Amino acid sequence: MENKKKLVIGVIGADVHAVGIQILDHAFTDAGFEVTNLGVMVSQEEFIAAATETAADAIMVSSLYGHGELDCRGLRDKCNEAGLKDILLYVGGNIVVGKQPFDEVEVRFKKMGYDRVFGPGTAPEETIACLKEDFNL
């Protein structure tokens, strides 16, 4: 990719699961994206500040501790207010408490403004394929 698309990735809220975000960092970098990895325990404001500072094309939110639905609420509105209206918003991981039908979870997150929603165990290659599709690469 000549003009690398820029991604801001991180684990939202009070979540401290660090292994998965490192795997995603390597996978996205190896796929040709420019990655800013914010690590764990990232607030919505930190995602937005990093996306603004790096002129990111997408924010990739990860959550594994089950409280993603609470932590992710309102992020699209905050992005819009910060002038990031066209930024892609992806979310993935174990993003809700308990076992819930994924199609229902996906609908809820899309209503919150997320462009793509990925369930637990999604392979990085699937997310990369979606990024390439959404960026027309």
Protein backbone atom coordinates (compact mmCIF):
# COMPACT_ATOMS: atom_id res chain seq x y z
CA MET A 1 0.00 0.00 0.00
CA GLU A 2 1.60 3.21 -1.16
CA ASN A 3 -0.57 5.55 0.89
CA LYS A 4 -0.91 3.53 4.04
CA LYS A 5 -4.24 3.77 5.81
CA LYS A 6 -3.82 4.78 9.43
CA LEU A 7 -5.42 2.82 12.25
CA VAL A 8 -5.73 3.67 15.92
CA ILE A 9 -6.20 0.51 17.98
CA GLY A 10 -6.68 -0.13 21.67
CA VAL A 11 -8.54 -1.90 24.43
CA ILE A 12 -11.33 0.31 25.76
CA GLY A 13 -12.39 1.03 29.32
CA ALA A 14 -11.00 -0.74 32.37
CA ASP A 15 -10.05 -3.79 30.29
CA VAL A 16 -6.44 -4.93 30.76
CA HIS A 17 -6.32 -7.77 28.19
CA ALA A 18 -3.07 -6.99 26.39
CA VAL A 19 -2.22 -10.08 24.32
CA GLY A 20 -4.93 -9.73 21.67
CA ILE A 21 -4.18 -6.09 20.91
CA GLN A 22 -0.52 -6.96 20.34
CA ILE A 23 -1.54 -9.71 17.91
CA LEU A 24 -3.78 -7.26 16.06
CA ASP A 25 -1.00 -4.66 15.98
CA HIS A 26 1.35 -7.12 14.27
CA ALA A 27 -1.33 -8.44 11.90
CA PHE A 28 -2.46 -4.97 10.78
CA THR A 29 1.13 -3.75 10.40
CA ASP A 30 2.08 -6.84 8.41
CA ALA A 31 -0.97 -6.22 6.19
CA GLY A 32 0.42 -2.77 5.31
CA PHE A 33 -1.47 -0.48 7.65
CA GLU A 34 0.12 2.24 9.77
CA VAL A 35 -0.86 1.36 13.33
CA THR A 36 -0.98 3.49 16.46
CA ASN A 37 -1.46 1.06 19.35
CA LEU A 38 -2.78 2.77 22.48
CA GLY A 39 -2.59 -0.44 24.51
CA VAL A 40 -5.04 -1.20 27.31
CA MET A 41 -7.42 0.80 29.50
CA VAL A 42 -8.04 3.39 26.77
CA SER A 43 -10.77 6.01 27.17
CA GLN A 44 -12.96 7.22 24.33
CA GLU A 45 -11.23 10.58 24.57
CA GLU A 46 -7.82 8.95 24.13
CA PHE A 47 -9.01 7.14 20.98
CA ILE A 48 -10.32 10.43 19.57
CA ALA A 49 -7.20 12.42 20.48
CA ALA A 50 -4.93 9.82 18.87
CA ALA A 51 -7.12 9.62 15.76
CA THR A 52 -7.06 13.40 15.42
CA GLU A 53 -3.31 13.63 16.04
CA THR A 54 -2.43 10.90 13.54
CA ALA A 55 -5.12 11.77 10.96
CA ALA A 56 -6.35 8.19 11.31
CA ASP A 57 -8.69 6.56 8.84
CA ALA A 58 -10.15 4.12 11.38
CA ILE A 59 -10.52 3.51 15.09
CA MET A 60 -10.39 -0.15 16.06
CA VAL A 61 -11.86 -0.76 19.53
CA SER A 62 -11.19 -4.03 21.32
CA SER A 63 -12.77 -5.32 24.50
CA LEU A 64 -12.56 -8.70 26.17
CA TYR A 65 -13.93 -8.26 29.65
CA GLY A 66 -17.55 -8.11 28.56
CA HIS A 67 -18.35 -4.46 29.25
CA GLY A 68 -17.72 -3.15 25.75
CA GLU A 69 -21.35 -2.25 25.27
CA LEU A 70 -21.14 0.26 28.13
CA ASP A 71 -17.64 1.47 27.26
CA CYS A 72 -18.43 1.97 23.56
CA ARG A 73 -21.68 3.87 23.88
CA GLY A 74 -21.43 7.42 22.54
CA LEU A 75 -18.09 7.06 20.75
CA ARG A 76 -19.55 7.82 17.30
CA ASP A 77 -21.18 11.01 18.60
CA LYS A 78 -17.90 12.10 20.20
CA CYS A 79 -16.05 11.37 16.94
CA ASN A 80 -18.56 13.48 15.02
CA GLU A 81 -18.21 16.34 17.51
CA ALA A 82 -14.40 16.16 17.16
CA GLY A 83 -14.61 16.46 13.37
CA LEU A 84 -14.05 12.75 12.71
CA LYS A 85 -17.39 12.21 11.00
CA ASP A 86 -16.05 9.93 8.26
CA ILE A 87 -13.74 7.80 10.38
CA LEU A 88 -14.39 4.07 10.25
CA LEU A 89 -15.33 2.61 13.64
CA TYR A 90 -14.71 -1.08 14.23
CA VAL A 91 -15.34 -2.97 17.47
CA GLY A 92 -14.56 -6.53 18.37
CA GLY A 93 -13.91 -9.12 21.01
CA ASN A 94 -16.04 -10.28 23.90
CA ILE A 95 -18.03 -7.06 23.85
CA VAL A 96 -21.11 -8.00 25.89
CA VAL A 97 -21.81 -9.74 29.18
CA GLY A 98 -22.86 -13.39 28.88
CA LYS A 99 -23.83 -15.44 25.87
CA GLN A 100 -26.02 -13.40 23.55
CA PRO A 101 -26.93 -14.04 19.91
CA PHE A 102 -24.25 -12.28 17.88
CA ASP A 103 -26.70 -10.96 15.29
CA GLU A 104 -28.53 -9.06 18.06
CA VAL A 105 -25.24 -7.73 19.47
CA GLU A 106 -24.18 -6.61 15.99
CA VAL A 107 -27.44 -4.71 15.47
CA ARG A 108 -27.03 -2.88 18.80
CA PHE A 109 -23.46 -1.81 18.03
CA LYS A 110 -24.34 -0.71 14.50
CA LYS A 111 -27.13 1.43 15.99
CA MET A 112 -24.39 2.99 18.16
CA GLY A 113 -22.59 3.97 14.93
CA TYR A 114 -20.01 1.20 14.51
CA ASP A 115 -19.32 0.27 10.90
CA ARG A 116 -18.20 -3.29 11.65
CA VAL A 117 -18.72 -5.53 14.66
CA PHE A 118 -16.66 -8.67 15.30
CA GLY A 119 -17.40 -11.40 17.79
CA PRO A 120 -15.02 -13.34 20.04
CA GLY A 121 -12.40 -15.37 18.20
CA THR A 122 -12.57 -13.44 14.92
CA ALA A 123 -9.37 -14.05 12.96
CA PRO A 124 -7.33 -10.92 12.19
CA GLU A 125 -7.48 -11.89 8.51
CA GLU A 126 -11.26 -11.39 8.53
CA THR A 127 -10.89 -7.89 9.97
CA ILE A 128 -8.13 -7.09 7.47
CA ALA A 129 -10.36 -8.23 4.60
CA CYS A 130 -13.11 -5.92 5.86
CA LEU A 131 -10.69 -3.00 6.15
CA LYS A 132 -9.52 -3.56 2.58
CA GLU A 133 -13.13 -3.72 1.41
CA ASP A 134 -14.17 -0.58 3.32
CA PHE A 135 -11.11 1.33 2.07
CA ASN A 136 -11.52 0.01 -1.49
CA LEU A 137 -8.00 -1.41 -1.48
